[in-house]
Amino acid sequence: MLTLYTAVGSLQFVNVNGKPVPHVINNQKEYGMSKEELLVWSCLAFQILTYPELERLFEKNCADSGQSISLPLSHYLNRLLLRGLLVKGMGVSAVDALYRLLGTLTITPVEDRFLPRLASVFLLYTKGQVQLKDIPRLLRKTKCTPTEREVLALAGKAPLSTAELLLSMERGILIRKEEDIQETVQITHAQEPILQAVRKLYLNQKILFQKI
């Protein structure tokens, strides 16, 4: 059985007593986090990882930042799962696990602006996570496939879960609020390329997920 994890919502800094405090915004609600929770959440933002992959990244980021974590990763992971700021999906195959991970999450297109991308790349450079020669490549816009463009266009028209979007694109009609859609509908051969397009758009930071 394969288990995949990812983050939901977007990170914003809220002014508290004159200091910027990180909050995750999901479904128009603000959630504060401890520094340890923020580190775990950040590892999964725009990432889809297994537990061993997450553990390796978490340990690397702890070492790079000089943070000392007293409790195991599983403690913070479970707290964030209970709060709905992280999600997991389990399946007998990678496609099944990915579908169960993303199926009920609402897709939100991300406005592609140059200055935020520049700031993100500069932050990665100052942390030593990218080299100077990689910056031009990272600043270039990632080209979308026709399927990815269709996903973005449809998601921009209405708030759709991944499962609703798969059915809508497969059937050519807008399908919303179908009860228990993730449990009653199994992914079809025709839907798999659409699911992979959703995954790629998320990894390329062109969409984010919200848990409604």
N, C-alpha and C. Protein backbone atom coordinates (compact mmCIF):
# COMPACT_ATOMS: atom_id res chain seq x y z
N MET A 1 0.85 -1.19 0.00
CA MET A 1 0.00 0.00 0.00
C MET A 1 0.89 1.24 0.00
N LEU A 2 0.65 2.15 -0.95
CA LEU A 2 1.44 3.38 -1.07
C LEU A 2 0.67 4.54 -0.44
N THR A 3 1.36 5.36 0.33
CA THR A 3 0.76 6.54 0.95
C THR A 3 1.51 7.78 0.49
N LEU A 4 0.76 8.77 0.01
CA LEU A 4 1.32 10.04 -0.46
C LEU A 4 0.80 11.18 0.42
N TYR A 5 1.62 12.21 0.55
CA TYR A 5 1.27 13.37 1.38
C TYR A 5 1.47 14.65 0.58
N THR A 6 0.65 15.66 0.89
CA THR A 6 0.86 17.00 0.33
C THR A 6 0.25 18.03 1.26
N ALA A 7 0.50 19.31 0.96
CA ALA A 7 0.00 20.41 1.78
C ALA A 7 -1.18 21.09 1.08
N VAL A 8 -2.02 21.73 1.86
CA VAL A 8 -3.12 22.52 1.31
C VAL A 8 -2.98 23.96 1.80
N GLY A 9 -3.61 24.87 1.06
CA GLY A 9 -3.59 26.27 1.44
C GLY A 9 -2.35 27.00 0.93
N SER A 10 -2.25 28.26 1.33
CA SER A 10 -1.11 29.10 0.92
C SER A 10 -0.52 29.78 2.14
N LEU A 11 0.77 30.05 2.09
CA LEU A 11 1.48 30.67 3.21
C LEU A 11 1.46 32.18 3.07
N GLN A 12 1.05 32.84 4.15
CA GLN A 12 1.09 34.29 4.22
C GLN A 12 1.64 34.71 5.57
N PHE A 13 2.21 35.91 5.60
CA PHE A 13 2.74 36.43 6.85
C PHE A 13 1.81 37.52 7.38
N VAL A 14 1.29 37.31 8.59
CA VAL A 14 0.34 38.21 9.21
C VAL A 14 1.06 39.04 10.26
N ASN A 15 0.79 40.34 10.27
CA ASN A 15 1.44 41.24 11.22
C ASN A 15 0.81 41.07 12.61
N VAL A 16 1.62 40.60 13.55
CA VAL A 16 1.18 40.44 14.94
C VAL A 16 2.13 41.22 15.83
N ASN A 17 1.61 42.29 16.42
CA ASN A 17 2.43 43.16 17.29
C ASN A 17 3.69 43.64 16.58
N GLY A 18 3.54 43.97 15.31
CA GLY A 18 4.66 44.51 14.55
C GLY A 18 5.61 43.47 14.00
N LYS A 19 5.32 42.19 14.20
CA LYS A 19 6.19 41.13 13.71
C LYS A 19 5.45 40.26 12.70
N PRO A 20 6.12 39.88 11.60
CA PRO A 20 5.46 39.00 10.62
C PRO A 20 5.40 37.56 11.15
N VAL A 21 4.20 37.03 11.27
CA VAL A 21 3.99 35.68 11.78
C VAL A 21 3.40 34.82 10.67
N PRO A 22 4.01 33.65 10.39
CA PRO A 22 3.50 32.82 9.29
C PRO A 22 2.16 32.18 9.63
N HIS A 23 1.23 32.25 8.68
CA HIS A 23 -0.06 31.59 8.77
C HIS A 23 -0.33 30.88 7.46
N VAL A 24 -1.04 29.77 7.54
CA VAL A 24 -1.54 29.12 6.33
C VAL A 24 -3.00 29.53 6.15
N ILE A 25 -3.32 29.97 4.93
CA ILE A 25 -4.69 30.36 4.60
C ILE A 25 -5.32 29.23 3.80
N ASN A 26 -6.37 28.63 4.36
CA ASN A 26 -7.11 27.57 3.67
C ASN A 26 -8.59 27.83 3.81
N ASN A 27 -9.28 27.87 2.67
CA ASN A 27 -10.73 28.11 2.66
C ASN A 27 -11.07 29.39 3.43
N GLN A 28 -10.26 30.44 3.22
CA GLN A 28 -10.44 31.77 3.80
C GLN A 28 -10.30 31.78 5.32
N LYS A 29 -9.67 30.76 5.89
CA LYS A 29 -9.41 30.72 7.32
C LYS A 29 -7.91 30.73 7.56
N GLU A 30 -7.49 31.40 8.64
CA GLU A 30 -6.08 31.50 8.98
C GLU A 30 -5.72 30.48 10.06
N TYR A 31 -4.58 29.82 9.87
CA TYR A 31 -4.11 28.83 10.82
C TYR A 31 -2.67 29.16 11.20
N GLY A 32 -2.46 29.41 12.49
CA GLY A 32 -1.11 29.63 12.97
C GLY A 32 -0.39 28.29 13.14
N MET A 33 0.92 28.34 13.08
CA MET A 33 1.71 27.12 13.20
C MET A 33 2.94 27.38 14.05
N SER A 34 3.40 26.33 14.73
CA SER A 34 4.69 26.41 15.40
C SER A 34 5.79 26.36 14.34
N LYS A 35 7.02 26.66 14.75
CA LYS A 35 8.12 26.64 13.78
C LYS A 35 8.34 25.23 13.24
N GLU A 36 8.09 24.21 14.09
CA GLU A 36 8.26 22.84 13.63
C GLU A 36 7.18 22.45 12.62
N GLU A 37 5.94 22.86 12.91
CA GLU A 37 4.84 22.58 11.98
C GLU A 37 5.06 23.29 10.66
N LEU A 38 5.54 24.53 10.73
CA LEU A 38 5.80 25.29 9.51
C LEU A 38 6.86 24.59 8.67
N LEU A 39 7.87 24.04 9.31
CA LEU A 39 8.93 23.35 8.59
C LEU A 39 8.39 22.12 7.87
N VAL A 40 7.52 21.36 8.54
CA VAL A 40 6.92 20.17 7.91
C VAL A 40 5.99 20.59 6.78
N TRP A 41 5.15 21.60 7.02
CA TRP A 41 4.23 22.07 5.99
C TRP A 41 5.00 22.56 4.76
N SER A 42 6.08 23.29 4.99
CA SER A 42 6.87 23.83 3.88
C SER A 42 7.50 22.73 3.04
N CYS A 43 7.85 21.61 3.69
CA CYS A 43 8.43 20.48 2.95
C CYS A 43 7.44 19.91 1.95
N LEU A 44 6.13 20.04 2.24
CA LEU A 44 5.10 19.45 1.38
C LEU A 44 4.37 20.47 0.51
N ALA A 45 4.70 21.76 0.66
CA ALA A 45 4.08 22.77 -0.20
C ALA A 45 4.59 22.60 -1.63
N PHE A 46 3.67 22.41 -2.56
CA PHE A 46 3.99 22.17 -3.97
C PHE A 46 4.87 20.93 -4.13
N GLN A 47 4.65 19.95 -3.26
CA GLN A 47 5.34 18.68 -3.33
C GLN A 47 4.33 17.56 -3.05
N ILE A 48 4.58 16.40 -3.61
CA ILE A 48 3.80 15.20 -3.31
C ILE A 48 4.82 14.11 -2.99
N LEU A 49 4.86 13.70 -1.72
CA LEU A 49 5.94 12.86 -1.25
C LEU A 49 5.42 11.65 -0.47
N THR A 50 6.20 10.58 -0.47
CA THR A 50 5.98 9.47 0.44
C THR A 50 6.58 9.83 1.79
N TYR A 51 6.29 9.03 2.81
CA TYR A 51 6.84 9.33 4.14
C TYR A 51 8.38 9.30 4.15
N PRO A 52 9.03 8.28 3.56
CA PRO A 52 10.50 8.29 3.55
C PRO A 52 11.07 9.52 2.84
N GLU A 53 10.43 9.94 1.73
CA GLU A 53 10.90 11.13 1.01
C GLU A 53 10.73 12.38 1.88
N LEU A 54 9.59 12.48 2.55
CA LEU A 54 9.34 13.61 3.43
C LEU A 54 10.33 13.63 4.59
N GLU A 55 10.60 12.46 5.15
CA GLU A 55 11.52 12.37 6.28
C GLU A 55 12.92 12.84 5.89
N ARG A 56 13.38 12.42 4.70
CA ARG A 56 14.72 12.85 4.24
C ARG A 56 14.77 14.36 4.04
N LEU A 57 13.73 14.92 3.41
CA LEU A 57 13.70 16.36 3.16
C LEU A 57 13.60 17.13 4.48
N PHE A 58 12.79 16.63 5.40
CA PHE A 58 12.62 17.28 6.70
C PHE A 58 13.95 17.32 7.46
N GLU A 59 14.64 16.21 7.49
CA GLU A 59 15.93 16.15 8.18
C GLU A 59 16.96 17.07 7.53
N LYS A 60 16.94 17.13 6.20
CA LYS A 60 17.88 18.01 5.49
C LYS A 60 17.59 19.47 5.81
N ASN A 61 16.30 19.85 5.77
CA ASN A 61 15.94 21.24 6.05
C ASN A 61 16.23 21.62 7.49
N CYS A 62 16.04 20.66 8.42
CA CYS A 62 16.40 20.92 9.82
C CYS A 62 17.89 21.19 9.94
N ALA A 63 18.70 20.36 9.27
CA ALA A 63 20.15 20.54 9.32
C ALA A 63 20.57 21.86 8.68
N ASP A 64 19.97 22.20 7.53
CA ASP A 64 20.33 23.43 6.82
C ASP A 64 19.97 24.68 7.62
N SER A 65 18.83 24.61 8.33
CA SER A 65 18.36 25.77 9.09
C SER A 65 18.94 25.83 10.50
N GLY A 66 19.59 24.74 10.92
CA GLY A 66 20.15 24.70 12.26
C GLY A 66 19.13 24.50 13.35
N GLN A 67 17.92 24.08 12.98
CA GLN A 67 16.86 23.86 13.97
C GLN A 67 17.04 22.50 14.65
N SER A 68 16.81 22.48 15.94
CA SER A 68 16.84 21.24 16.70
C SER A 68 15.41 20.84 17.02
N ILE A 69 14.98 19.68 16.55
CA ILE A 69 13.61 19.22 16.73
C ILE A 69 13.59 18.13 17.80
N SER A 70 12.79 18.38 18.86
CA SER A 70 12.80 17.45 19.98
C SER A 70 11.89 16.24 19.78
N LEU A 71 10.83 16.40 18.99
CA LEU A 71 9.87 15.31 18.78
C LEU A 71 10.02 14.75 17.37
N PRO A 72 9.60 13.50 17.15
CA PRO A 72 9.74 12.90 15.82
C PRO A 72 8.83 13.57 14.79
N LEU A 73 9.19 13.40 13.54
CA LEU A 73 8.41 13.96 12.43
C LEU A 73 6.95 13.54 12.51
N SER A 74 6.68 12.29 12.86
CA SER A 74 5.31 11.77 12.88
C SER A 74 4.41 12.59 13.80
N HIS A 75 4.95 13.14 14.88
CA HIS A 75 4.15 13.95 15.81
C HIS A 75 3.59 15.19 15.11
N TYR A 76 4.47 15.93 14.44
CA TYR A 76 4.03 17.16 13.76
C TYR A 76 3.18 16.83 12.53
N LEU A 77 3.52 15.75 11.84
CA LEU A 77 2.75 15.33 10.67
C LEU A 77 1.32 15.02 11.07
N ASN A 78 1.14 14.27 12.14
CA ASN A 78 -0.21 13.90 12.58
C ASN A 78 -1.00 15.12 13.05
N ARG A 79 -0.34 16.05 13.72
CA ARG A 79 -1.03 17.28 14.15
C ARG A 79 -1.54 18.07 12.95
N LEU A 80 -0.71 18.18 11.92
CA LEU A 80 -1.12 18.93 10.72
C LEU A 80 -2.20 18.20 9.93
N LEU A 81 -2.16 16.87 9.92
CA LEU A 81 -3.22 16.09 9.28
C LEU A 81 -4.55 16.30 10.01
N LEU A 82 -4.52 16.29 11.34
CA LEU A 82 -5.74 16.49 12.13
C LEU A 82 -6.31 17.89 11.92
N ARG A 83 -5.45 18.87 11.73
CA ARG A 83 -5.90 20.25 11.52
C ARG A 83 -6.33 20.51 10.08
N GLY A 84 -6.10 19.53 9.20
CA GLY A 84 -6.50 19.68 7.81
C GLY A 84 -5.57 20.52 6.97
N LEU A 85 -4.34 20.76 7.45
CA LEU A 85 -3.38 21.55 6.68
C LEU A 85 -2.47 20.67 5.83
N LEU A 86 -2.45 19.38 6.12
CA LEU A 86 -1.83 18.37 5.27
C LEU A 86 -2.87 17.30 4.98
N VAL A 87 -2.71 16.62 3.86
CA VAL A 87 -3.61 15.52 3.51
C VAL A 87 -2.77 14.34 3.05
N LYS A 88 -3.38 13.15 3.12
CA LYS A 88 -2.70 11.95 2.64
C LYS A 88 -3.67 11.12 1.83
N GLY A 89 -3.13 10.33 0.92
CA GLY A 89 -3.92 9.43 0.10
C GLY A 89 -3.23 8.08 0.01
N MET A 90 -4.01 7.01 0.14
CA MET A 90 -3.45 5.66 0.13
C MET A 90 -4.06 4.87 -1.02
N GLY A 91 -3.23 4.04 -1.66
CA GLY A 91 -3.71 3.22 -2.76
C GLY A 91 -2.76 2.08 -3.05
N VAL A 92 -3.26 1.09 -3.78
CA VAL A 92 -2.42 -0.06 -4.11
C VAL A 92 -1.44 0.29 -5.23
N SER A 93 -1.71 1.36 -5.95
CA SER A 93 -0.80 1.82 -7.00
C SER A 93 -0.58 3.31 -6.84
N ALA A 94 0.41 3.85 -7.56
CA ALA A 94 0.70 5.28 -7.48
C ALA A 94 -0.47 6.12 -7.96
N VAL A 95 -1.16 5.65 -9.01
CA VAL A 95 -2.31 6.40 -9.54
C VAL A 95 -3.45 6.39 -8.54
N ASP A 96 -3.72 5.23 -7.93
CA ASP A 96 -4.78 5.15 -6.92
C ASP A 96 -4.48 6.08 -5.74
N ALA A 97 -3.25 6.05 -5.26
CA ALA A 97 -2.88 6.89 -4.13
C ALA A 97 -2.98 8.38 -4.49
N LEU A 98 -2.56 8.74 -5.70
CA LEU A 98 -2.63 10.13 -6.15
C LEU A 98 -4.07 10.59 -6.26
N TYR A 99 -4.95 9.72 -6.78
CA TYR A 99 -6.37 10.07 -6.91
C TYR A 99 -7.00 10.27 -5.55
N ARG A 100 -6.69 9.39 -4.60
CA ARG A 100 -7.27 9.51 -3.27
C ARG A 100 -6.66 10.67 -2.49
N LEU A 101 -5.46 11.08 -2.86
CA LEU A 101 -4.83 12.25 -2.25
C LEU A 101 -5.50 13.54 -2.72
N LEU A 102 -5.72 13.64 -4.02
CA LEU A 102 -6.15 14.91 -4.61
C LEU A 102 -7.65 14.99 -4.90
N GLY A 103 -8.34 13.84 -4.89
CA GLY A 103 -9.71 13.79 -5.38
C GLY A 103 -10.66 14.79 -4.77
N THR A 104 -10.62 14.97 -3.45
CA THR A 104 -11.58 15.86 -2.79
C THR A 104 -11.05 17.28 -2.61
N LEU A 105 -9.80 17.54 -3.02
CA LEU A 105 -9.22 18.87 -2.84
C LEU A 105 -9.66 19.81 -3.95
N THR A 106 -9.98 21.04 -3.58
CA THR A 106 -10.41 22.05 -4.55
C THR A 106 -9.20 22.70 -5.19
N ILE A 107 -9.24 22.82 -6.51
CA ILE A 107 -8.13 23.38 -7.29
C ILE A 107 -8.27 24.90 -7.40
N THR A 108 -7.20 25.61 -7.10
CA THR A 108 -7.19 27.07 -7.23
C THR A 108 -6.01 27.48 -8.11
N PRO A 109 -6.26 28.06 -9.29
CA PRO A 109 -5.15 28.53 -10.13
C PRO A 109 -4.35 29.61 -9.42
N VAL A 110 -3.04 29.61 -9.62
CA VAL A 110 -2.14 30.60 -9.03
C VAL A 110 -1.77 31.61 -10.09
N GLU A 111 -1.95 32.88 -9.77
CA GLU A 111 -1.57 33.93 -10.71
C GLU A 111 -0.06 33.93 -10.88
N ASP A 112 0.39 33.82 -12.12
CA ASP A 112 1.83 33.74 -12.41
C ASP A 112 2.39 35.14 -12.58
N ARG A 113 3.03 35.64 -11.53
CA ARG A 113 3.63 36.98 -11.57
C ARG A 113 5.14 36.87 -11.42
N PHE A 114 5.86 37.74 -12.13
CA PHE A 114 7.32 37.63 -12.18
C PHE A 114 7.97 37.96 -10.85
N LEU A 115 7.56 39.03 -10.18
CA LEU A 115 8.23 39.46 -8.95
C LEU A 115 8.15 38.41 -7.84
N PRO A 116 6.97 37.78 -7.60
CA PRO A 116 6.96 36.70 -6.59
C PRO A 116 7.86 35.53 -6.96
N ARG A 117 7.93 35.21 -8.26
CA ARG A 117 8.82 34.12 -8.68
C ARG A 117 10.27 34.51 -8.44
N LEU A 118 10.60 35.77 -8.73
CA LEU A 118 11.96 36.26 -8.51
C LEU A 118 12.32 36.20 -7.03
N ALA A 119 11.38 36.60 -6.17
CA ALA A 119 11.63 36.58 -4.73
C ALA A 119 11.83 35.14 -4.23
N SER A 120 11.04 34.21 -4.76
CA SER A 120 11.15 32.82 -4.35
C SER A 120 12.49 32.23 -4.76
N VAL A 121 12.90 32.52 -6.00
CA VAL A 121 14.18 32.00 -6.49
C VAL A 121 15.34 32.61 -5.70
N PHE A 122 15.25 33.91 -5.40
CA PHE A 122 16.31 34.58 -4.64
C PHE A 122 16.42 33.97 -3.24
N LEU A 123 15.27 33.65 -2.62
CA LEU A 123 15.28 33.02 -1.30
C LEU A 123 15.96 31.66 -1.34
N LEU A 124 15.65 30.87 -2.38
CA LEU A 124 16.29 29.57 -2.53
C LEU A 124 17.80 29.72 -2.73
N TYR A 125 18.20 30.76 -3.48
CA TYR A 125 19.62 31.00 -3.73
C TYR A 125 20.34 31.37 -2.43
N THR A 126 19.74 32.23 -1.62
CA THR A 126 20.38 32.64 -0.36
C THR A 126 20.50 31.47 0.61
N LYS A 127 19.60 30.49 0.49
CA LYS A 127 19.66 29.31 1.35
C LYS A 127 20.59 28.24 0.79
N GLY A 128 21.16 28.52 -0.39
CA GLY A 128 22.07 27.56 -0.99
C GLY A 128 21.39 26.38 -1.65
N GLN A 129 20.07 26.49 -1.90
CA GLN A 129 19.33 25.38 -2.48
C GLN A 129 19.35 25.38 -4.01
N VAL A 130 19.74 26.50 -4.61
CA VAL A 130 19.94 26.55 -6.06
C VAL A 130 21.24 27.29 -6.33
N GLN A 131 21.83 27.01 -7.48
CA GLN A 131 23.07 27.67 -7.86
C GLN A 131 22.77 28.85 -8.78
N LEU A 132 23.75 29.76 -8.90
CA LEU A 132 23.55 30.96 -9.70
C LEU A 132 23.20 30.62 -11.14
N LYS A 133 23.83 29.59 -11.69
CA LYS A 133 23.58 29.22 -13.08
C LYS A 133 22.16 28.70 -13.32
N ASP A 134 21.47 28.29 -12.23
CA ASP A 134 20.12 27.75 -12.37
C ASP A 134 19.04 28.83 -12.37
N ILE A 135 19.39 30.05 -11.97
CA ILE A 135 18.37 31.10 -11.80
C ILE A 135 17.64 31.44 -13.10
N PRO A 136 18.33 31.64 -14.24
CA PRO A 136 17.57 31.95 -15.47
C PRO A 136 16.56 30.87 -15.83
N ARG A 137 16.94 29.60 -15.64
CA ARG A 137 16.02 28.50 -15.96
C ARG A 137 14.80 28.52 -15.04
N LEU A 138 15.02 28.81 -13.76
CA LEU A 138 13.92 28.82 -12.81
C LEU A 138 12.98 30.01 -13.02
N LEU A 139 13.50 31.09 -13.59
CA LEU A 139 12.66 32.27 -13.81
C LEU A 139 11.82 32.16 -15.08
N ARG A 140 12.20 31.23 -15.95
CA ARG A 140 11.41 31.06 -17.17
C ARG A 140 10.07 30.41 -16.85
N LYS A 141 9.03 30.87 -17.53
CA LYS A 141 7.71 30.26 -17.35
C LYS A 141 7.72 28.84 -17.90
N THR A 142 7.13 27.93 -17.16
CA THR A 142 7.00 26.56 -17.63
C THR A 142 5.84 26.48 -18.62
N LYS A 143 6.11 25.94 -19.80
CA LYS A 143 5.06 25.84 -20.81
C LYS A 143 4.06 24.75 -20.42
N CYS A 144 2.79 25.05 -20.67
CA CYS A 144 1.72 24.10 -20.35
C CYS A 144 1.36 23.27 -21.58
N THR A 145 1.02 22.03 -21.35
CA THR A 145 0.48 21.18 -22.41
C THR A 145 -0.98 21.58 -22.66
N PRO A 146 -1.58 21.16 -23.79
CA PRO A 146 -2.99 21.46 -24.02
C PRO A 146 -3.90 20.98 -22.88
N THR A 147 -3.61 19.80 -22.32
CA THR A 147 -4.42 19.30 -21.21
C THR A 147 -4.27 20.18 -19.99
N GLU A 148 -3.05 20.62 -19.70
CA GLU A 148 -2.83 21.51 -18.55
C GLU A 148 -3.54 22.84 -18.74
N ARG A 149 -3.53 23.37 -19.96
CA ARG A 149 -4.24 24.63 -20.22
C ARG A 149 -5.74 24.45 -20.03
N GLU A 150 -6.25 23.30 -20.42
CA GLU A 150 -7.68 23.02 -20.25
C GLU A 150 -8.04 22.91 -18.77
N VAL A 151 -7.16 22.28 -17.99
CA VAL A 151 -7.37 22.19 -16.54
C VAL A 151 -7.43 23.59 -15.93
N LEU A 152 -6.47 24.44 -16.28
CA LEU A 152 -6.43 25.80 -15.74
C LEU A 152 -7.67 26.60 -16.14
N ALA A 153 -8.09 26.45 -17.38
CA ALA A 153 -9.26 27.19 -17.86
C ALA A 153 -10.52 26.76 -17.11
N LEU A 154 -10.71 25.47 -16.94
CA LEU A 154 -11.91 24.98 -16.26
C LEU A 154 -11.88 25.30 -14.77
N ALA A 155 -10.71 25.15 -14.14
CA ALA A 155 -10.60 25.45 -12.71
C ALA A 155 -10.80 26.94 -12.45
N GLY A 156 -10.49 27.77 -13.44
CA GLY A 156 -10.68 29.21 -13.28
C GLY A 156 -12.12 29.64 -13.38
N LYS A 157 -12.98 28.79 -13.92
CA LYS A 157 -14.38 29.14 -14.09
C LYS A 157 -15.21 28.86 -12.85
N ALA A 158 -14.86 27.81 -12.12
CA ALA A 158 -15.65 27.41 -10.95
C ALA A 158 -14.76 26.65 -9.99
N PRO A 159 -15.05 26.74 -8.68
CA PRO A 159 -14.27 25.96 -7.71
C PRO A 159 -14.61 24.48 -7.82
N LEU A 160 -13.67 23.70 -8.35
CA LEU A 160 -13.89 22.28 -8.59
C LEU A 160 -12.89 21.45 -7.80
N SER A 161 -13.36 20.32 -7.28
CA SER A 161 -12.42 19.36 -6.73
C SER A 161 -11.74 18.65 -7.89
N THR A 162 -10.66 17.97 -7.60
CA THR A 162 -9.95 17.23 -8.65
C THR A 162 -10.86 16.18 -9.26
N ALA A 163 -11.62 15.46 -8.43
CA ALA A 163 -12.52 14.42 -8.94
C ALA A 163 -13.60 15.02 -9.83
N GLU A 164 -14.15 16.16 -9.43
CA GLU A 164 -15.16 16.83 -10.24
C GLU A 164 -14.58 17.29 -11.57
N LEU A 165 -13.34 17.79 -11.52
CA LEU A 165 -12.69 18.24 -12.75
C LEU A 165 -12.44 17.07 -13.70
N LEU A 166 -12.02 15.93 -13.18
CA LEU A 166 -11.78 14.76 -14.03
C LEU A 166 -13.05 14.35 -14.75
N LEU A 167 -14.15 14.28 -14.02
CA LEU A 167 -15.42 13.91 -14.65
C LEU A 167 -15.89 14.95 -15.65
N SER A 168 -15.71 16.23 -15.29
CA SER A 168 -16.15 17.31 -16.17
C SER A 168 -15.40 17.27 -17.50
N MET A 169 -14.08 17.07 -17.44
CA MET A 169 -13.29 17.05 -18.66
C MET A 169 -13.55 15.79 -19.47
N GLU A 170 -13.78 14.67 -18.80
CA GLU A 170 -14.04 13.42 -19.51
C GLU A 170 -15.40 13.47 -20.22
N ARG A 171 -16.41 14.04 -19.56
CA ARG A 171 -17.76 14.02 -20.10
C ARG A 171 -18.12 15.28 -20.89
N GLY A 172 -17.26 16.31 -20.78
CA GLY A 172 -17.52 17.52 -21.55
C GLY A 172 -18.60 18.39 -20.97
N ILE A 173 -18.99 18.17 -19.71
CA ILE A 173 -19.98 19.00 -19.03
C ILE A 173 -19.47 19.31 -17.63
N LEU A 174 -19.94 20.42 -17.06
CA LEU A 174 -19.49 20.83 -15.74
C LEU A 174 -20.22 20.01 -14.69
N ILE A 175 -19.46 19.27 -13.88
CA ILE A 175 -20.04 18.43 -12.83
C ILE A 175 -19.54 18.94 -11.49
N ARG A 176 -20.48 19.24 -10.58
CA ARG A 176 -20.09 19.78 -9.28
C ARG A 176 -20.96 19.18 -8.18
N LYS A 177 -20.37 19.06 -7.02
CA LYS A 177 -21.07 18.65 -5.80
C LYS A 177 -21.72 17.28 -5.91
N GLU A 178 -21.10 16.37 -6.61
CA GLU A 178 -21.63 15.02 -6.67
C GLU A 178 -21.26 14.29 -5.37
N GLU A 179 -22.24 13.68 -4.70
CA GLU A 179 -22.02 13.10 -3.38
C GLU A 179 -21.04 11.93 -3.45
N ASP A 180 -20.11 11.94 -2.48
CA ASP A 180 -19.14 10.83 -2.33
C ASP A 180 -18.43 10.52 -3.64
N ILE A 181 -18.07 11.56 -4.39
CA ILE A 181 -17.54 11.36 -5.74
C ILE A 181 -16.23 10.57 -5.72
N GLN A 182 -15.41 10.79 -4.70
CA GLN A 182 -14.11 10.12 -4.67
C GLN A 182 -14.26 8.63 -4.37
N GLU A 183 -15.28 8.27 -3.59
CA GLU A 183 -15.44 6.88 -3.21
C GLU A 183 -16.20 6.08 -4.26
N THR A 184 -17.14 6.72 -4.94
CA THR A 184 -18.00 5.98 -5.85
C THR A 184 -17.45 5.90 -7.27
N VAL A 185 -16.54 6.78 -7.60
CA VAL A 185 -16.03 6.81 -8.97
C VAL A 185 -14.55 6.46 -8.97
N GLN A 186 -14.18 5.43 -9.68
CA GLN A 186 -12.78 5.04 -9.82
C GLN A 186 -12.21 5.72 -11.05
N ILE A 187 -10.96 6.04 -11.00
CA ILE A 187 -10.34 6.73 -12.11
C ILE A 187 -10.31 5.82 -13.34
N THR A 188 -10.64 6.40 -14.49
CA THR A 188 -10.66 5.64 -15.73
C THR A 188 -9.37 5.86 -16.51
N HIS A 189 -9.19 5.06 -17.54
CA HIS A 189 -7.99 5.18 -18.38
C HIS A 189 -7.93 6.57 -19.01
N ALA A 190 -9.09 7.11 -19.39
CA ALA A 190 -9.12 8.43 -20.04
C ALA A 190 -8.81 9.55 -19.05
N GLN A 191 -9.09 9.33 -17.76
CA GLN A 191 -8.88 10.37 -16.76
C GLN A 191 -7.44 10.45 -16.27
N GLU A 192 -6.68 9.38 -16.43
CA GLU A 192 -5.32 9.35 -15.88
C GLU A 192 -4.44 10.47 -16.41
N PRO A 193 -4.43 10.77 -17.74
CA PRO A 193 -3.61 11.90 -18.22
C PRO A 193 -4.03 13.23 -17.61
N ILE A 194 -5.33 13.39 -17.32
CA ILE A 194 -5.81 14.63 -16.71
C ILE A 194 -5.30 14.72 -15.28
N LEU A 195 -5.35 13.60 -14.55
CA LEU A 195 -4.83 13.57 -13.18
C LEU A 195 -3.35 13.90 -13.15
N GLN A 196 -2.60 13.37 -14.10
CA GLN A 196 -1.16 13.66 -14.16
C GLN A 196 -0.92 15.13 -14.51
N ALA A 197 -1.81 15.71 -15.33
CA ALA A 197 -1.69 17.14 -15.65
C ALA A 197 -1.92 17.99 -14.41
N VAL A 198 -2.90 17.60 -13.58
CA VAL A 198 -3.15 18.30 -12.32
C VAL A 198 -1.92 18.21 -11.42
N ARG A 199 -1.34 17.02 -11.33
CA ARG A 199 -0.14 16.83 -10.51
C ARG A 199 1.00 17.72 -10.99
N LYS A 200 1.23 17.76 -12.30
CA LYS A 200 2.33 18.54 -12.85
C LYS A 200 2.11 20.04 -12.62
N LEU A 201 0.87 20.50 -12.79
CA LEU A 201 0.57 21.91 -12.55
C LEU A 201 0.85 22.29 -11.09
N TYR A 202 0.55 21.38 -10.18
CA TYR A 202 0.81 21.65 -8.76
C TYR A 202 2.31 21.69 -8.48
N LEU A 203 3.05 20.73 -9.01
CA LEU A 203 4.49 20.69 -8.78
C LEU A 203 5.18 21.91 -9.40
N ASN A 204 4.60 22.44 -10.49
CA ASN A 204 5.14 23.64 -11.14
C ASN A 204 4.58 24.93 -10.56
N GLN A 205 3.83 24.81 -9.44
CA GLN A 205 3.30 25.95 -8.69
C GLN A 205 2.33 26.80 -9.51
N LYS A 206 1.59 26.17 -10.40
CA LYS A 206 0.59 26.88 -11.18
C LYS A 206 -0.81 26.76 -10.58
N ILE A 207 -0.98 25.82 -9.66
CA ILE A 207 -2.22 25.69 -8.91
C ILE A 207 -1.86 25.38 -7.46
N LEU A 208 -2.80 25.60 -6.57
CA LEU A 208 -2.67 25.11 -5.20
C LEU A 208 -3.98 24.43 -4.83
N PHE A 209 -3.94 23.67 -3.75
CA PHE A 209 -5.11 22.94 -3.31
C PHE A 209 -5.65 23.52 -2.02
N GLN A 210 -6.99 23.49 -1.90
CA GLN A 210 -7.63 23.87 -0.67
C GLN A 210 -8.56 22.74 -0.22
N LYS A 211 -8.69 22.61 1.08
CA LYS A 211 -9.59 21.61 1.64
C LYS A 211 -10.84 22.34 2.10
N ILE A 212 -11.94 22.13 1.39
CA ILE A 212 -13.19 22.85 1.69
C ILE A 212 -14.01 22.08 2.71
